[in-house]
């Protein structure tokens, strides 16, 4: 990746397509498998990411992320380290509902979330709490990298957004400035003298609609 910082690099890779993505259902921590299309997406993306010669590979332990990570592990020979702390945001009563059902059943919560307020969607986690559990796992892995090494983190749209925001030093209310990741696309942070900086966002394909962000 041209122009990256001289220090370590983190590739945040979203999992492939699931049936709930297609139905616009909020998955959260519900363990939904990849579709056949999702597996194909993971295989295609893995061929590209393998070209980065990653040094470490960590993943959410939910099967949609773990199966995505397995495709890169197969090509690179890396072991996948699975972490529950990299799971998607737990969203309580919202999980399994479509966007329309959430709007109808939880209008005040939905509107507050849309305004950027700190909301426990469905009685679940705050975005800041997701960052609290996920970012330390990533930083611990970064500490194990060789000089100018590359870490691949396989996770979920909402969780990746919180990690990007926290590592870039943004306030939680600003984290929504990051557009959603398409299935099996990725964002890249590089580290230099001034800290972390965003090198790429939603890379890996030509622009396309984001299906099931925060899922």
N, C-alpha and C. Protein backbone atom coordinates (compact mmCIF):
# COMPACT_ATOMS: atom_id res chain seq x y z
N UNK A 1 0.85 -1.17 0.00
CA UNK A 1 0.00 0.00 0.00
C UNK A 1 0.89 1.23 0.00
N UNK A 2 0.89 2.00 -1.03
CA UNK A 2 1.80 3.10 -1.20
C UNK A 2 1.57 4.19 -0.16
N UNK A 3 2.68 4.78 0.31
CA UNK A 3 2.59 5.92 1.19
C UNK A 3 2.25 5.59 2.62
N UNK A 4 2.36 4.34 3.05
CA UNK A 4 2.00 4.02 4.42
C UNK A 4 3.08 4.53 5.37
N UNK A 5 2.70 4.73 6.63
CA UNK A 5 3.64 5.17 7.63
C UNK A 5 4.72 4.13 7.86
N UNK A 6 5.81 4.57 8.47
CA UNK A 6 6.94 3.66 8.62
C UNK A 6 6.79 2.64 9.71
N UNK A 7 5.81 2.78 10.57
CA UNK A 7 5.62 1.86 11.67
C UNK A 7 4.67 0.73 11.31
N UNK A 8 4.02 0.14 12.32
CA UNK A 8 3.10 -0.97 12.07
C UNK A 8 1.86 -0.53 11.31
N UNK A 9 1.19 -1.51 10.74
CA UNK A 9 -0.02 -1.27 9.95
C UNK A 9 -1.10 -2.24 10.44
N UNK A 10 -2.33 -1.73 10.56
CA UNK A 10 -3.46 -2.56 10.95
C UNK A 10 -4.49 -2.55 9.83
N UNK A 11 -4.87 -3.73 9.38
CA UNK A 11 -5.93 -3.88 8.38
C UNK A 11 -7.18 -4.39 9.10
N UNK A 12 -8.23 -3.58 9.13
CA UNK A 12 -9.50 -3.97 9.74
C UNK A 12 -10.41 -4.49 8.63
N UNK A 13 -10.68 -5.79 8.66
CA UNK A 13 -11.38 -6.47 7.57
C UNK A 13 -12.75 -6.93 8.04
N UNK A 14 -13.79 -6.44 7.37
CA UNK A 14 -15.15 -6.86 7.72
C UNK A 14 -15.47 -8.22 7.11
N UNK A 15 -16.27 -9.00 7.82
CA UNK A 15 -16.67 -10.34 7.38
C UNK A 15 -17.48 -10.30 6.09
N UNK A 16 -17.63 -11.47 5.47
CA UNK A 16 -18.42 -11.60 4.26
C UNK A 16 -19.92 -11.57 4.52
N UNK A 17 -20.66 -11.65 3.44
CA UNK A 17 -22.12 -11.53 3.48
C UNK A 17 -22.79 -12.66 4.25
N UNK A 18 -23.86 -12.31 4.98
CA UNK A 18 -24.73 -13.29 5.64
C UNK A 18 -26.16 -13.09 5.16
N UNK A 19 -27.01 -14.05 5.45
CA UNK A 19 -28.41 -13.92 5.06
C UNK A 19 -29.08 -12.76 5.79
N UNK A 20 -28.68 -12.50 7.02
CA UNK A 20 -29.26 -11.38 7.76
C UNK A 20 -28.80 -10.05 7.19
N UNK A 21 -27.59 -9.97 6.64
CA UNK A 21 -27.19 -8.75 5.93
C UNK A 21 -28.17 -8.47 4.81
N UNK A 22 -28.49 -9.50 4.03
CA UNK A 22 -29.39 -9.33 2.89
C UNK A 22 -30.79 -8.91 3.33
N UNK A 23 -31.20 -9.35 4.51
CA UNK A 23 -32.53 -9.03 5.02
C UNK A 23 -32.54 -7.75 5.85
N UNK A 24 -31.37 -7.10 5.96
CA UNK A 24 -31.22 -5.88 6.77
C UNK A 24 -31.63 -6.12 8.22
N UNK A 25 -31.25 -7.29 8.74
CA UNK A 25 -31.51 -7.60 10.14
C UNK A 25 -30.28 -7.27 10.98
N UNK A 26 -30.52 -6.69 12.13
CA UNK A 26 -29.42 -6.33 13.02
C UNK A 26 -28.89 -7.61 13.66
N UNK A 27 -27.68 -7.99 13.30
CA UNK A 27 -27.11 -9.25 13.82
C UNK A 27 -26.55 -9.07 15.22
N UNK A 28 -25.76 -8.02 15.44
CA UNK A 28 -25.11 -7.87 16.73
C UNK A 28 -24.29 -9.10 17.06
N UNK A 29 -24.46 -9.63 18.24
CA UNK A 29 -23.68 -10.79 18.67
C UNK A 29 -24.33 -12.12 18.29
N UNK A 30 -25.46 -12.10 17.55
CA UNK A 30 -26.07 -13.33 17.07
C UNK A 30 -25.12 -14.00 16.09
N UNK A 31 -24.95 -15.31 16.21
CA UNK A 31 -23.91 -16.03 15.45
C UNK A 31 -24.49 -16.57 14.15
N UNK A 32 -24.42 -15.76 13.10
CA UNK A 32 -25.00 -16.09 11.80
C UNK A 32 -23.88 -16.47 10.83
N UNK A 33 -24.02 -17.58 10.06
CA UNK A 33 -22.96 -18.00 9.14
C UNK A 33 -22.93 -17.18 7.86
N UNK A 34 -21.85 -17.33 7.11
CA UNK A 34 -21.74 -16.71 5.80
C UNK A 34 -22.66 -17.42 4.80
N UNK A 35 -23.13 -16.68 3.83
CA UNK A 35 -23.78 -17.28 2.67
C UNK A 35 -22.71 -17.80 1.72
N UNK A 36 -23.12 -18.51 0.68
CA UNK A 36 -22.16 -18.94 -0.33
C UNK A 36 -21.46 -17.73 -0.96
N UNK A 37 -22.22 -16.68 -1.17
CA UNK A 37 -21.63 -15.45 -1.70
C UNK A 37 -20.61 -14.89 -0.72
N UNK A 38 -20.93 -14.95 0.58
CA UNK A 38 -20.01 -14.47 1.60
C UNK A 38 -18.69 -15.23 1.60
N UNK A 39 -18.77 -16.54 1.41
CA UNK A 39 -17.53 -17.35 1.34
C UNK A 39 -16.72 -16.94 0.11
N UNK A 40 -17.40 -16.75 -1.02
CA UNK A 40 -16.70 -16.33 -2.24
C UNK A 40 -16.05 -14.96 -2.05
N UNK A 41 -16.76 -14.06 -1.37
CA UNK A 41 -16.18 -12.74 -1.09
C UNK A 41 -14.92 -12.87 -0.24
N UNK A 42 -14.97 -13.73 0.77
CA UNK A 42 -13.81 -13.91 1.64
C UNK A 42 -12.63 -14.48 0.88
N UNK A 43 -12.89 -15.42 -0.02
CA UNK A 43 -11.81 -16.02 -0.80
C UNK A 43 -11.17 -14.99 -1.73
N UNK A 44 -12.00 -14.18 -2.36
CA UNK A 44 -11.47 -13.15 -3.25
C UNK A 44 -10.63 -12.14 -2.48
N UNK A 45 -11.18 -11.65 -1.37
CA UNK A 45 -10.46 -10.65 -0.58
C UNK A 45 -9.18 -11.22 0.01
N UNK A 46 -9.24 -12.48 0.43
CA UNK A 46 -8.05 -13.11 1.02
C UNK A 46 -6.89 -13.14 0.03
N UNK A 47 -7.20 -13.36 -1.25
CA UNK A 47 -6.13 -13.37 -2.26
C UNK A 47 -5.45 -12.01 -2.34
N UNK A 48 -6.22 -10.94 -2.20
CA UNK A 48 -5.64 -9.60 -2.22
C UNK A 48 -4.84 -9.33 -0.94
N UNK A 49 -5.42 -9.65 0.20
CA UNK A 49 -4.76 -9.35 1.47
C UNK A 49 -3.52 -10.21 1.69
N UNK A 50 -3.50 -11.39 1.13
CA UNK A 50 -2.31 -12.23 1.27
C UNK A 50 -1.10 -11.53 0.65
N UNK A 51 -1.34 -10.68 -0.34
CA UNK A 51 -0.26 -9.95 -0.97
C UNK A 51 0.42 -8.95 -0.06
N UNK A 52 -0.21 -8.63 1.07
CA UNK A 52 0.39 -7.73 2.04
C UNK A 52 1.36 -8.45 2.96
N UNK A 53 1.45 -9.78 2.86
CA UNK A 53 2.31 -10.60 3.72
C UNK A 53 2.07 -10.28 5.20
N UNK A 54 0.83 -10.45 5.66
CA UNK A 54 0.53 -10.12 7.07
C UNK A 54 1.34 -10.98 8.03
N UNK A 55 1.62 -10.40 9.20
CA UNK A 55 2.41 -11.09 10.21
C UNK A 55 1.55 -11.74 11.29
N UNK A 56 0.39 -11.15 11.58
CA UNK A 56 -0.51 -11.68 12.59
C UNK A 56 -1.94 -11.56 12.09
N UNK A 57 -2.78 -12.49 12.54
CA UNK A 57 -4.18 -12.53 12.12
C UNK A 57 -5.04 -12.82 13.35
N UNK A 58 -5.90 -11.86 13.69
CA UNK A 58 -6.82 -12.06 14.81
C UNK A 58 -8.24 -11.85 14.31
N UNK A 59 -9.21 -12.45 15.02
CA UNK A 59 -10.58 -12.43 14.53
C UNK A 59 -11.57 -12.50 15.67
N UNK A 60 -12.73 -11.90 15.46
CA UNK A 60 -13.90 -12.19 16.28
C UNK A 60 -14.15 -13.69 16.24
N UNK A 61 -14.69 -14.22 17.34
CA UNK A 61 -14.98 -15.66 17.37
C UNK A 61 -16.35 -16.01 16.80
N UNK A 62 -17.14 -15.01 16.37
CA UNK A 62 -18.40 -15.32 15.70
C UNK A 62 -18.11 -15.93 14.35
N UNK A 63 -18.92 -16.91 13.93
CA UNK A 63 -18.56 -17.74 12.79
C UNK A 63 -18.44 -16.97 11.49
N UNK A 64 -19.20 -15.88 11.33
CA UNK A 64 -19.08 -15.14 10.08
C UNK A 64 -17.72 -14.47 9.93
N UNK A 65 -17.15 -14.06 11.05
CA UNK A 65 -15.80 -13.49 11.02
C UNK A 65 -14.75 -14.58 10.99
N UNK A 66 -14.94 -15.63 11.80
CA UNK A 66 -13.95 -16.70 11.86
C UNK A 66 -13.80 -17.40 10.51
N UNK A 67 -14.93 -17.60 9.80
CA UNK A 67 -14.86 -18.24 8.49
C UNK A 67 -14.17 -17.34 7.47
N UNK A 68 -14.38 -16.03 7.60
CA UNK A 68 -13.69 -15.08 6.72
C UNK A 68 -12.18 -15.13 6.98
N UNK A 69 -11.80 -15.09 8.24
CA UNK A 69 -10.38 -15.14 8.61
C UNK A 69 -9.72 -16.44 8.14
N UNK A 70 -10.49 -17.53 8.18
CA UNK A 70 -9.93 -18.83 7.80
C UNK A 70 -9.44 -18.84 6.35
N UNK A 71 -10.08 -18.06 5.50
CA UNK A 71 -9.66 -18.02 4.10
C UNK A 71 -8.28 -17.38 3.96
N UNK A 72 -8.00 -16.35 4.75
CA UNK A 72 -6.67 -15.74 4.71
C UNK A 72 -5.64 -16.63 5.39
N UNK A 73 -6.04 -17.29 6.45
CA UNK A 73 -5.13 -18.21 7.13
C UNK A 73 -4.70 -19.34 6.19
N UNK A 74 -5.64 -19.82 5.39
CA UNK A 74 -5.33 -20.91 4.46
C UNK A 74 -4.26 -20.50 3.45
N UNK A 75 -4.31 -19.25 3.01
CA UNK A 75 -3.36 -18.79 2.00
C UNK A 75 -2.00 -18.41 2.59
N UNK A 76 -2.01 -17.92 3.82
CA UNK A 76 -0.77 -17.39 4.41
C UNK A 76 -0.08 -18.35 5.37
N UNK A 77 -0.82 -19.36 5.84
CA UNK A 77 -0.25 -20.26 6.84
C UNK A 77 -0.27 -19.71 8.25
N UNK A 78 -0.87 -18.54 8.44
CA UNK A 78 -0.96 -17.96 9.78
C UNK A 78 -2.02 -18.67 10.61
N UNK A 79 -1.78 -18.74 11.91
CA UNK A 79 -2.80 -19.20 12.84
C UNK A 79 -3.74 -18.03 13.13
N UNK A 80 -5.02 -18.33 13.27
CA UNK A 80 -5.99 -17.30 13.63
C UNK A 80 -6.18 -17.31 15.14
N UNK A 81 -6.03 -16.16 15.76
CA UNK A 81 -6.31 -16.01 17.18
C UNK A 81 -7.71 -15.42 17.33
N UNK A 82 -8.63 -16.19 17.92
CA UNK A 82 -10.03 -15.76 18.03
C UNK A 82 -10.28 -15.08 19.38
N UNK A 83 -11.03 -13.98 19.34
CA UNK A 83 -11.30 -13.20 20.54
C UNK A 83 -12.77 -12.80 20.60
N UNK A 84 -13.42 -13.12 21.71
CA UNK A 84 -14.80 -12.68 21.91
C UNK A 84 -14.89 -11.16 21.96
N UNK A 85 -13.82 -10.50 22.40
CA UNK A 85 -13.81 -9.05 22.50
C UNK A 85 -13.89 -8.32 21.18
N UNK A 86 -13.74 -9.04 20.07
CA UNK A 86 -13.84 -8.44 18.75
C UNK A 86 -15.21 -8.64 18.12
N UNK A 87 -16.15 -9.19 18.90
CA UNK A 87 -17.51 -9.40 18.38
C UNK A 87 -18.20 -8.08 18.08
N UNK A 88 -19.29 -8.18 17.32
CA UNK A 88 -20.11 -7.01 17.03
C UNK A 88 -20.81 -6.52 18.29
N UNK A 89 -21.24 -5.27 18.25
CA UNK A 89 -21.97 -4.65 19.35
C UNK A 89 -23.17 -5.50 19.76
N UNK A 90 -23.28 -5.80 21.05
CA UNK A 90 -24.47 -6.47 21.55
C UNK A 90 -25.60 -5.45 21.61
N UNK A 91 -26.70 -5.74 20.95
CA UNK A 91 -27.79 -4.77 20.84
C UNK A 91 -29.10 -5.28 21.42
N UNK A 92 -29.06 -6.22 22.35
CA UNK A 92 -30.25 -6.62 23.09
C UNK A 92 -31.46 -6.90 22.22
N UNK A 93 -32.53 -6.18 22.48
CA UNK A 93 -33.81 -6.42 21.80
C UNK A 93 -33.79 -6.04 20.32
N UNK A 94 -32.79 -5.31 19.88
CA UNK A 94 -32.71 -4.96 18.47
C UNK A 94 -32.25 -6.14 17.61
N UNK A 95 -31.55 -7.07 18.21
CA UNK A 95 -30.96 -8.15 17.43
C UNK A 95 -32.03 -9.02 16.80
N UNK A 96 -31.86 -9.29 15.52
CA UNK A 96 -32.81 -10.09 14.77
C UNK A 96 -33.91 -9.28 14.12
N UNK A 97 -33.99 -7.99 14.43
CA UNK A 97 -35.02 -7.13 13.84
C UNK A 97 -34.49 -6.43 12.60
N UNK A 98 -35.39 -6.16 11.67
CA UNK A 98 -35.02 -5.37 10.50
C UNK A 98 -34.97 -3.90 10.89
N UNK A 99 -34.39 -3.10 10.01
CA UNK A 99 -34.31 -1.67 10.26
C UNK A 99 -35.70 -1.06 10.45
N UNK A 100 -36.66 -1.48 9.62
CA UNK A 100 -38.02 -0.96 9.74
C UNK A 100 -38.66 -1.36 11.07
N UNK A 101 -38.39 -2.59 11.51
CA UNK A 101 -38.95 -3.05 12.79
C UNK A 101 -38.35 -2.28 13.96
N UNK A 102 -37.07 -1.96 13.86
CA UNK A 102 -36.43 -1.18 14.92
C UNK A 102 -37.01 0.22 14.97
N UNK A 103 -37.18 0.84 13.81
CA UNK A 103 -37.77 2.19 13.76
C UNK A 103 -39.16 2.20 14.39
N UNK A 104 -39.94 1.16 14.09
CA UNK A 104 -41.32 1.10 14.59
C UNK A 104 -41.38 0.77 16.08
N UNK A 105 -40.51 -0.13 16.54
CA UNK A 105 -40.58 -0.59 17.92
C UNK A 105 -39.82 0.25 18.92
N UNK A 106 -38.81 0.98 18.44
CA UNK A 106 -37.96 1.76 19.35
C UNK A 106 -37.70 3.15 18.75
N UNK A 107 -38.76 3.89 18.49
CA UNK A 107 -38.58 5.16 17.77
C UNK A 107 -37.70 6.17 18.51
N UNK A 108 -37.85 6.29 19.83
CA UNK A 108 -37.06 7.28 20.56
C UNK A 108 -35.58 6.88 20.58
N UNK A 109 -35.31 5.60 20.83
CA UNK A 109 -33.93 5.13 20.81
C UNK A 109 -33.31 5.34 19.44
N UNK A 110 -34.07 5.00 18.43
CA UNK A 110 -33.55 5.09 17.07
C UNK A 110 -33.23 6.54 16.71
N UNK A 111 -34.12 7.44 17.07
CA UNK A 111 -33.90 8.85 16.76
C UNK A 111 -32.71 9.41 17.54
N UNK A 112 -32.58 9.02 18.80
CA UNK A 112 -31.44 9.48 19.60
C UNK A 112 -30.13 8.97 19.02
N UNK A 113 -30.13 7.72 18.61
CA UNK A 113 -28.94 7.15 17.98
C UNK A 113 -28.60 7.91 16.69
N UNK A 114 -29.64 8.22 15.91
CA UNK A 114 -29.43 8.96 14.67
C UNK A 114 -28.85 10.34 14.90
N UNK A 115 -29.12 10.93 16.09
CA UNK A 115 -28.58 12.25 16.43
C UNK A 115 -27.16 12.18 16.95
N UNK A 116 -26.64 10.95 17.09
CA UNK A 116 -25.28 10.79 17.59
C UNK A 116 -25.17 10.70 19.09
N UNK A 117 -26.30 10.52 19.78
CA UNK A 117 -26.27 10.40 21.24
C UNK A 117 -25.79 9.00 21.65
N UNK A 118 -25.23 8.92 22.86
CA UNK A 118 -24.82 7.63 23.41
C UNK A 118 -26.07 6.85 23.79
N UNK A 119 -26.34 5.77 23.08
CA UNK A 119 -27.58 5.01 23.26
C UNK A 119 -27.25 3.55 23.44
N UNK A 120 -27.92 2.92 24.43
CA UNK A 120 -27.83 1.46 24.58
C UNK A 120 -28.91 0.86 23.69
N UNK A 121 -28.56 0.63 22.45
CA UNK A 121 -29.54 0.13 21.49
C UNK A 121 -30.11 -1.21 21.94
N UNK A 122 -31.40 -1.26 22.11
CA UNK A 122 -32.05 -2.48 22.58
C UNK A 122 -31.65 -2.89 23.98
N UNK A 123 -31.08 -1.95 24.74
CA UNK A 123 -30.58 -2.28 26.07
C UNK A 123 -29.20 -2.89 26.07
N UNK A 124 -28.50 -2.80 24.96
CA UNK A 124 -27.18 -3.42 24.83
C UNK A 124 -26.03 -2.49 25.16
N UNK A 125 -24.94 -2.65 24.42
CA UNK A 125 -23.70 -1.93 24.71
C UNK A 125 -23.67 -0.54 24.10
N UNK A 126 -22.96 0.36 24.77
CA UNK A 126 -22.59 1.64 24.19
C UNK A 126 -21.43 1.43 23.24
N UNK A 127 -21.32 2.28 22.24
CA UNK A 127 -20.19 2.18 21.31
C UNK A 127 -18.85 2.31 22.04
N UNK A 128 -18.81 3.18 23.04
CA UNK A 128 -17.57 3.35 23.80
C UNK A 128 -17.19 2.08 24.55
N UNK A 129 -18.18 1.31 24.98
CA UNK A 129 -17.89 0.04 25.66
C UNK A 129 -17.36 -1.00 24.68
N UNK A 130 -17.84 -0.95 23.45
CA UNK A 130 -17.31 -1.85 22.43
C UNK A 130 -15.84 -1.54 22.19
N UNK A 131 -15.50 -0.25 22.10
CA UNK A 131 -14.10 0.14 21.94
C UNK A 131 -13.27 -0.28 23.15
N UNK A 132 -13.84 -0.17 24.34
CA UNK A 132 -13.12 -0.54 25.56
C UNK A 132 -12.68 -2.00 25.54
N UNK A 133 -13.52 -2.87 24.95
CA UNK A 133 -13.20 -4.31 24.96
C UNK A 133 -12.38 -4.74 23.75
N UNK A 134 -12.50 -4.01 22.65
CA UNK A 134 -11.85 -4.45 21.41
C UNK A 134 -10.47 -3.84 21.19
N UNK A 135 -10.31 -2.56 21.46
CA UNK A 135 -9.05 -1.89 21.16
C UNK A 135 -7.87 -2.48 21.93
N UNK A 136 -7.99 -2.81 23.24
CA UNK A 136 -6.84 -3.43 23.91
C UNK A 136 -6.36 -4.72 23.26
N UNK A 137 -7.28 -5.50 22.71
CA UNK A 137 -6.89 -6.74 22.02
C UNK A 137 -6.03 -6.42 20.81
N UNK A 138 -6.44 -5.39 20.06
CA UNK A 138 -5.70 -4.99 18.87
C UNK A 138 -4.32 -4.45 19.26
N UNK A 139 -4.26 -3.60 20.26
CA UNK A 139 -2.98 -3.02 20.65
C UNK A 139 -2.02 -4.07 21.20
N UNK A 140 -2.56 -5.06 21.90
CA UNK A 140 -1.71 -6.15 22.38
C UNK A 140 -1.11 -6.91 21.21
N UNK A 141 -1.89 -7.12 20.16
CA UNK A 141 -1.37 -7.80 18.97
C UNK A 141 -0.34 -6.94 18.25
N UNK A 142 -0.60 -5.63 18.17
CA UNK A 142 0.36 -4.72 17.53
C UNK A 142 1.72 -4.80 18.21
N UNK A 143 1.72 -4.92 19.53
CA UNK A 143 2.97 -4.99 20.28
C UNK A 143 3.80 -6.22 19.91
N UNK A 144 3.16 -7.23 19.32
CA UNK A 144 3.86 -8.45 18.95
C UNK A 144 4.40 -8.42 17.52
N UNK A 145 4.08 -7.36 16.78
CA UNK A 145 4.49 -7.28 15.39
C UNK A 145 5.98 -6.97 15.25
N UNK A 146 6.59 -7.45 14.18
CA UNK A 146 7.95 -7.01 13.86
C UNK A 146 7.93 -5.56 13.37
N UNK A 147 9.09 -4.97 13.21
CA UNK A 147 9.17 -3.60 12.70
C UNK A 147 8.46 -3.51 11.35
N UNK A 148 7.60 -2.52 11.20
CA UNK A 148 6.82 -2.31 9.98
C UNK A 148 5.92 -3.51 9.66
N UNK A 149 5.53 -4.24 10.69
CA UNK A 149 4.70 -5.42 10.49
C UNK A 149 3.24 -5.06 10.22
N UNK A 150 2.50 -6.07 9.77
CA UNK A 150 1.08 -5.90 9.42
C UNK A 150 0.21 -6.85 10.22
N UNK A 151 -0.80 -6.30 10.86
CA UNK A 151 -1.81 -7.05 11.59
C UNK A 151 -3.11 -6.99 10.83
N UNK A 152 -3.77 -8.13 10.64
CA UNK A 152 -5.12 -8.16 10.07
C UNK A 152 -6.11 -8.51 11.18
N UNK A 153 -7.12 -7.67 11.33
CA UNK A 153 -8.16 -7.83 12.34
C UNK A 153 -9.48 -8.09 11.62
N UNK A 154 -10.05 -9.28 11.79
CA UNK A 154 -11.31 -9.62 11.13
C UNK A 154 -12.44 -9.41 12.14
N UNK A 155 -13.34 -8.49 11.81
CA UNK A 155 -14.37 -8.13 12.78
C UNK A 155 -15.64 -7.72 12.04
N UNK A 156 -16.37 -6.77 12.58
CA UNK A 156 -17.71 -6.42 12.15
C UNK A 156 -17.81 -4.92 11.93
N UNK A 157 -18.79 -4.51 11.11
CA UNK A 157 -18.87 -3.11 10.71
C UNK A 157 -18.91 -2.13 11.86
N UNK A 158 -19.80 -2.36 12.82
CA UNK A 158 -19.92 -1.44 13.95
C UNK A 158 -18.69 -1.45 14.83
N UNK A 159 -18.17 -2.62 15.12
CA UNK A 159 -16.99 -2.72 15.98
C UNK A 159 -15.78 -2.09 15.33
N UNK A 160 -15.61 -2.31 14.04
CA UNK A 160 -14.49 -1.69 13.33
C UNK A 160 -14.60 -0.17 13.41
N UNK A 161 -15.79 0.37 13.25
CA UNK A 161 -15.96 1.82 13.35
C UNK A 161 -15.51 2.33 14.72
N UNK A 162 -15.86 1.63 15.79
CA UNK A 162 -15.47 2.08 17.12
C UNK A 162 -13.95 2.00 17.30
N UNK A 163 -13.32 0.96 16.74
CA UNK A 163 -11.87 0.83 16.88
C UNK A 163 -11.15 1.93 16.11
N UNK A 164 -11.63 2.23 14.91
CA UNK A 164 -11.03 3.32 14.14
C UNK A 164 -11.14 4.64 14.90
N UNK A 165 -12.34 4.92 15.40
CA UNK A 165 -12.55 6.17 16.11
C UNK A 165 -11.68 6.30 17.35
N UNK A 166 -11.58 5.25 18.14
CA UNK A 166 -10.78 5.28 19.36
C UNK A 166 -9.30 5.44 19.04
N UNK A 167 -8.80 4.67 18.08
CA UNK A 167 -7.37 4.72 17.77
C UNK A 167 -6.97 6.05 17.13
N UNK A 168 -7.89 6.68 16.44
CA UNK A 168 -7.60 7.99 15.82
C UNK A 168 -7.85 9.15 16.78
N UNK A 169 -8.28 8.84 18.00
CA UNK A 169 -8.43 9.88 19.01
C UNK A 169 -9.67 10.74 18.86
N UNK A 170 -10.68 10.24 18.17
CA UNK A 170 -11.92 11.00 17.99
C UNK A 170 -12.89 10.74 19.15
N UNK A 171 -13.73 11.71 19.42
CA UNK A 171 -14.77 11.52 20.43
C UNK A 171 -15.85 10.59 19.87
N UNK A 172 -16.51 9.81 20.74
CA UNK A 172 -17.52 8.86 20.26
C UNK A 172 -18.59 9.47 19.36
N UNK A 173 -18.98 10.70 19.62
CA UNK A 173 -20.00 11.34 18.80
C UNK A 173 -19.55 11.54 17.36
N UNK A 174 -18.24 11.48 17.13
CA UNK A 174 -17.69 11.67 15.79
C UNK A 174 -17.47 10.37 15.05
N UNK A 175 -17.65 9.23 15.71
CA UNK A 175 -17.30 7.96 15.07
C UNK A 175 -18.16 7.64 13.87
N UNK A 176 -19.37 8.19 13.83
CA UNK A 176 -20.25 7.94 12.70
C UNK A 176 -19.77 8.64 11.43
N UNK A 177 -18.70 9.44 11.54
CA UNK A 177 -18.17 10.09 10.33
C UNK A 177 -17.56 9.06 9.39
N UNK A 178 -17.27 7.86 9.91
CA UNK A 178 -16.76 6.80 9.05
C UNK A 178 -17.93 6.09 8.38
N UNK A 179 -17.97 6.14 7.05
CA UNK A 179 -19.00 5.39 6.34
C UNK A 179 -18.85 3.91 6.58
N UNK A 180 -19.93 3.17 6.38
CA UNK A 180 -19.90 1.74 6.64
C UNK A 180 -18.99 0.99 5.69
N UNK A 181 -18.54 -0.17 6.14
CA UNK A 181 -17.74 -1.05 5.31
C UNK A 181 -18.64 -2.02 4.56
N UNK A 182 -18.39 -2.20 3.28
CA UNK A 182 -19.07 -3.25 2.52
C UNK A 182 -18.55 -4.61 2.98
N UNK A 183 -19.33 -5.65 2.74
CA UNK A 183 -18.90 -6.99 3.13
C UNK A 183 -17.54 -7.32 2.52
N UNK A 184 -16.64 -7.78 3.37
CA UNK A 184 -15.29 -8.22 2.99
C UNK A 184 -14.40 -7.09 2.47
N UNK A 185 -14.75 -5.86 2.78
CA UNK A 185 -13.85 -4.75 2.50
C UNK A 185 -13.12 -4.37 3.79
N UNK A 186 -12.16 -3.47 3.68
CA UNK A 186 -11.29 -3.22 4.83
C UNK A 186 -10.87 -1.76 4.90
N UNK A 187 -10.42 -1.38 6.10
CA UNK A 187 -9.80 -0.08 6.35
C UNK A 187 -8.41 -0.31 6.91
N UNK A 188 -7.52 0.65 6.67
CA UNK A 188 -6.12 0.48 7.06
C UNK A 188 -5.65 1.68 7.88
N UNK A 189 -5.05 1.40 9.03
CA UNK A 189 -4.37 2.42 9.82
C UNK A 189 -2.87 2.18 9.77
N UNK A 190 -2.13 3.25 9.66
CA UNK A 190 -0.68 3.18 9.76
C UNK A 190 -0.23 4.00 10.96
N UNK A 191 0.94 3.69 11.50
CA UNK A 191 1.42 4.38 12.70
C UNK A 191 2.76 5.04 12.40
N UNK A 192 2.84 6.30 12.72
CA UNK A 192 4.08 7.05 12.53
C UNK A 192 4.37 7.92 13.73
N UNK A 193 5.18 8.94 13.53
CA UNK A 193 5.63 9.79 14.63
C UNK A 193 4.47 10.53 15.30
N UNK A 194 3.41 10.79 14.57
CA UNK A 194 2.26 11.52 15.12
C UNK A 194 1.12 10.59 15.53
N UNK A 195 1.38 9.32 15.60
CA UNK A 195 0.36 8.37 16.02
C UNK A 195 -0.34 7.71 14.85
N UNK A 196 -1.54 7.18 15.11
CA UNK A 196 -2.27 6.46 14.08
C UNK A 196 -2.90 7.42 13.08
N UNK A 197 -2.95 7.00 11.82
CA UNK A 197 -3.63 7.78 10.80
C UNK A 197 -4.32 6.83 9.83
N UNK A 198 -5.41 7.31 9.25
CA UNK A 198 -6.19 6.50 8.33
C UNK A 198 -5.55 6.55 6.95
N UNK A 199 -5.18 5.37 6.43
CA UNK A 199 -4.56 5.28 5.12
C UNK A 199 -5.55 4.89 4.04
N UNK A 200 -6.50 4.01 4.38
CA UNK A 200 -7.53 3.59 3.42
C UNK A 200 -8.81 3.30 4.20
N UNK A 201 -9.96 3.48 3.52
CA UNK A 201 -11.23 3.15 4.15
C UNK A 201 -12.16 2.54 3.11
N UNK A 202 -12.79 1.43 3.50
CA UNK A 202 -13.71 0.68 2.64
C UNK A 202 -13.02 0.29 1.33
N UNK A 203 -11.80 -0.19 1.42
CA UNK A 203 -11.02 -0.61 0.26
C UNK A 203 -11.35 -2.05 -0.11
N UNK A 204 -10.97 -2.42 -1.33
CA UNK A 204 -11.11 -3.80 -1.75
C UNK A 204 -12.05 -4.02 -2.90
N UNK A 205 -12.77 -2.98 -3.31
CA UNK A 205 -13.72 -3.13 -4.39
C UNK A 205 -14.06 -1.76 -4.94
N UNK A 206 -14.74 -1.72 -6.07
CA UNK A 206 -15.32 -0.47 -6.52
C UNK A 206 -16.45 -0.09 -5.57
N UNK A 207 -16.76 1.20 -5.44
CA UNK A 207 -17.83 1.61 -4.51
C UNK A 207 -19.12 0.86 -4.78
N UNK A 208 -19.77 0.42 -3.71
CA UNK A 208 -21.02 -0.30 -3.81
C UNK A 208 -21.83 -0.06 -2.56
N UNK A 209 -23.15 -0.34 -2.58
CA UNK A 209 -23.96 -0.13 -1.38
C UNK A 209 -23.46 -0.97 -0.20
N UNK A 210 -23.55 -0.39 0.99
CA UNK A 210 -23.19 -1.11 2.20
C UNK A 210 -24.44 -1.81 2.72
N UNK A 211 -24.38 -3.13 2.84
CA UNK A 211 -25.52 -3.91 3.28
C UNK A 211 -25.31 -4.33 4.73
N UNK A 212 -26.25 -3.97 5.60
CA UNK A 212 -26.18 -4.45 6.96
C UNK A 212 -25.02 -3.90 7.75
N UNK A 213 -24.75 -2.59 7.66
CA UNK A 213 -23.73 -1.99 8.48
C UNK A 213 -24.13 -2.13 9.95
N UNK A 214 -23.12 -2.16 10.84
CA UNK A 214 -23.35 -2.44 12.26
C UNK A 214 -23.90 -3.84 12.48
N UNK A 215 -23.63 -4.74 11.53
CA UNK A 215 -24.07 -6.11 11.70
C UNK A 215 -22.91 -7.03 11.43
